[in-house]
Amino acid sequence: MGTSFVPPLEDPEQLWESAASGRYRTGATLRTERYRYTEYFTGSGRLQAHMRYDHHLDPQEDVNISNREEKAALRRTLSRHLHTLLDRAREAETRAGIPGRR
């Protein structure tokens, strides 16, 4: 069946149980069971662009649905979740003595 998006939409601080995040060059990605959401940043750390794909409807990631207004709340929730995971990774890197990244 899948995971309900109602709880995290009602409480954006609630995280999905399973999600992965990653970084490559100027991008940061969150991958849930259903979505891949990526944000790209400028050298100064400002958001430059974002992409979102629904793997249930578009497993090949052919159509970027990130700017669809009807799903704006979901985009904000995915972004918050991504940044929470990135913050946790930065904290772990600091504790491990790994030099920081933007």
C-alpha atoms as a PDB file:
ATOM      1  CA  MET A   1       0.000   0.000   0.000  1.00  0.00           C
ATOM      2  CA  GLY A   2       2.606   2.570   0.979  1.00  0.00           C
ATOM      3  CA  THR A   3       3.182   5.201   3.609  1.00  0.00           C
ATOM      4  CA  SER A   4       0.604   7.866   4.348  1.00  0.00           C
ATOM      5  CA  PHE A   5       1.744  11.434   3.716  1.00  0.00           C
ATOM      6  CA  VAL A   6      -0.978  12.807   5.989  1.00  0.00           C
ATOM      7  CA  PRO A   7       1.076  12.767   9.250  1.00  0.00           C
ATOM      8  CA  PRO A   8       4.105  14.658   7.870  1.00  0.00           C
ATOM      9  CA  LEU A   9       1.858  17.117   6.025  1.00  0.00           C
ATOM     10  CA  GLU A  10      -0.043  17.832   9.242  1.00  0.00           C
ATOM     11  CA  ASP A  11       3.180  17.962  11.293  1.00  0.00           C
ATOM     12  CA  PRO A  12       6.134  18.899   9.043  1.00  0.00           C
ATOM     13  CA  GLU A  13       8.624  18.157  11.832  1.00  0.00           C
ATOM     14  CA  GLN A  14       7.630  14.478  11.737  1.00  0.00           C
ATOM     15  CA  LEU A  15       9.972  12.462   9.542  1.00  0.00           C
ATOM     16  CA  TRP A  16       9.299   9.444   7.392  1.00  0.00           C
ATOM     17  CA  GLU A  17      10.630   6.234   8.844  1.00  0.00           C
ATOM     18  CA  SER A  18      12.726   5.437   5.790  1.00  0.00           C
ATOM     19  CA  ALA A  19      14.435   7.994   3.641  1.00  0.00           C
ATOM     20  CA  ALA A  20      17.934   8.465   2.325  1.00  0.00           C
ATOM     21  CA  SER A  21      19.780  11.673   1.659  1.00  0.00           C
ATOM     22  CA  GLY A  22      22.888  12.357  -0.330  1.00  0.00           C
ATOM     23  CA  ARG A  23      25.009  15.184  -1.638  1.00  0.00           C
ATOM     24  CA  TYR A  24      26.868  15.571  -4.909  1.00  0.00           C
ATOM     25  CA  ARG A  25      28.598  18.772  -5.959  1.00  0.00           C
ATOM     26  CA  THR A  26      26.046  21.569  -5.453  1.00  0.00           C
ATOM     27  CA  GLY A  27      23.040  19.295  -4.986  1.00  0.00           C
ATOM     28  CA  ALA A  28      21.384  17.571  -2.053  1.00  0.00           C
ATOM     29  CA  THR A  29      18.845  14.792  -2.537  1.00  0.00           C
ATOM     30  CA  LEU A  30      16.185  13.114  -0.422  1.00  0.00           C
ATOM     31  CA  ARG A  31      14.837   9.757  -1.577  1.00  0.00           C
ATOM     32  CA  THR A  32      11.726   8.297   0.001  1.00  0.00           C
ATOM     33  CA  GLU A  33       9.825   5.216  -1.097  1.00  0.00           C
ATOM     34  CA  ARG A  34       7.823   7.368  -3.497  1.00  0.00           C
ATOM     35  CA  TYR A  35       9.715  10.597  -4.209  1.00  0.00           C
ATOM     36  CA  ARG A  36      13.136  11.877  -5.134  1.00  0.00           C
ATOM     37  CA  TYR A  37      13.542  15.538  -4.197  1.00  0.00           C
ATOM     38  CA  THR A  38      16.739  17.444  -5.025  1.00  0.00           C
ATOM     39  CA  GLU A  39      17.842  20.994  -4.298  1.00  0.00           C
ATOM     40  CA  TYR A  40      20.774  22.706  -6.040  1.00  0.00           C
ATOM     41  CA  PHE A  41      22.656  25.575  -4.435  1.00  0.00           C
ATOM     42  CA  THR A  42      24.886  28.399  -5.611  1.00  0.00           C
ATOM     43  CA  GLY A  43      28.456  28.663  -4.343  1.00  0.00           C
ATOM     44  CA  SER A  44      27.204  30.999  -1.599  1.00  0.00           C
ATOM     45  CA  GLY A  45      24.631  28.430  -0.423  1.00  0.00           C
ATOM     46  CA  ARG A  46      21.479  30.007  -1.889  1.00  0.00           C
ATOM     47  CA  LEU A  47      18.825  27.739  -3.387  1.00  0.00           C
ATOM     48  CA  GLN A  48      19.227  27.796  -7.155  1.00  0.00           C
ATOM     49  CA  ALA A  49      16.811  25.103  -8.373  1.00  0.00           C
ATOM     50  CA  HIS A  50      14.875  22.061  -7.219  1.00  0.00           C
ATOM     51  CA  MET A  51      13.466  18.899  -8.750  1.00  0.00           C
ATOM     52  CA  ARG A  52      10.885  16.381  -7.568  1.00  0.00           C
ATOM     53  CA  TYR A  53       9.899  13.107  -9.175  1.00  0.00           C
ATOM     54  CA  ASP A  54       7.085  10.749  -8.224  1.00  0.00           C
ATOM     55  CA  HIS A  55       8.505   7.262  -8.711  1.00  0.00           C
ATOM     56  CA  HIS A  56       5.060   5.647  -8.533  1.00  0.00           C
ATOM     57  CA  LEU A  57       3.911   7.627 -11.581  1.00  0.00           C
ATOM     58  CA  ASP A  58       7.278   8.362 -13.227  1.00  0.00           C
ATOM     59  CA  PRO A  59       9.936   5.761 -12.322  1.00  0.00           C
ATOM     60  CA  GLN A  60      12.290   7.005 -15.060  1.00  0.00           C
ATOM     61  CA  GLU A  61      12.249  10.584 -13.697  1.00  0.00           C
ATOM     62  CA  ASP A  62      11.129  12.108 -16.990  1.00  0.00           C
ATOM     63  CA  VAL A  63       8.819  14.818 -15.575  1.00  0.00           C
ATOM     64  CA  ASN A  64       9.960  17.276 -12.903  1.00  0.00           C
ATOM     65  CA  ILE A  65       6.860  18.014 -10.807  1.00  0.00           C
ATOM     66  CA  SER A  66       8.574  20.296  -8.299  1.00  0.00           C
ATOM     67  CA  ASN A  67       6.815  23.494  -9.381  1.00  0.00           C
ATOM     68  CA  ARG A  68       3.278  22.103  -9.443  1.00  0.00           C
ATOM     69  CA  GLU A  69       1.264  24.373  -7.184  1.00  0.00           C
ATOM     70  CA  GLU A  70      -1.165  21.651  -6.105  1.00  0.00           C
ATOM     71  CA  LYS A  71       1.740  19.868  -4.397  1.00  0.00           C
ATOM     72  CA  ALA A  72       3.478  22.928  -2.892  1.00  0.00           C
ATOM     73  CA  ALA A  73       2.909  21.702   0.680  1.00  0.00           C
ATOM     74  CA  LEU A  74       4.546  18.380  -0.167  1.00  0.00           C
ATOM     75  CA  ARG A  75       7.559  20.185  -1.684  1.00  0.00           C
ATOM     76  CA  ARG A  76       7.980  22.236   1.490  1.00  0.00           C
ATOM     77  CA  THR A  77       7.710  19.101   3.630  1.00  0.00           C
ATOM     78  CA  LEU A  78      10.289  17.236   1.533  1.00  0.00           C
ATOM     79  CA  SER A  79      12.610  20.256   1.705  1.00  0.00           C
ATOM     80  CA  ARG A  80      12.333  20.452   5.497  1.00  0.00           C
ATOM     81  CA  HIS A  81      12.980  16.730   5.785  1.00  0.00           C
ATOM     82  CA  LEU A  82      16.017  17.011   3.496  1.00  0.00           C
ATOM     83  CA  HIS A  83      17.468  19.863   5.540  1.00  0.00           C
ATOM     84  CA  THR A  84      16.855  18.001   8.800  1.00  0.00           C
ATOM     85  CA  LEU A  85      18.801  15.015   7.483  1.00  0.00           C
ATOM     86  CA  LEU A  86      21.585  17.272   6.157  1.00  0.00           C
ATOM     87  CA  ASP A  87      21.819  19.026   9.535  1.00  0.00           C
ATOM     88  CA  ARG A  88      22.105  15.651  11.268  1.00  0.00           C
ATOM     89  CA  ALA A  89      24.849  14.601   8.834  1.00  0.00           C
ATOM     90  CA  ARG A  90      26.750  17.861   9.466  1.00  0.00           C
ATOM     91  CA  GLU A  91      26.508  17.312  13.222  1.00  0.00           C
ATOM     92  CA  ALA A  92      27.831  13.754  12.833  1.00  0.00           C
ATOM     93  CA  GLU A  93      30.689  15.003  10.616  1.00  0.00           C
ATOM     94  CA  THR A  94      31.591  17.623  13.225  1.00  0.00           C
ATOM     95  CA  ARG A  95      31.599  15.045  16.023  1.00  0.00           C
ATOM     96  CA  ALA A  96      33.817  12.784  13.870  1.00  0.00           C
ATOM     97  CA  GLY A  97      36.216  15.633  13.072  1.00  0.00           C
ATOM     98  CA  ILE A  98      35.390  15.650   9.345  1.00  0.00           C
ATOM     99  CA  PRO A  99      35.843  19.088   7.731  1.00  0.00           C
ATOM    100  CA  GLY A 100      32.504  20.772   7.048  1.00  0.00           C
ATOM    101  CA  ARG A 101      30.772  21.311   3.722  1.00  0.00           C
ATOM    102  CA  ARG A 102      28.160  23.866   2.765  1.00  0.00           C
END
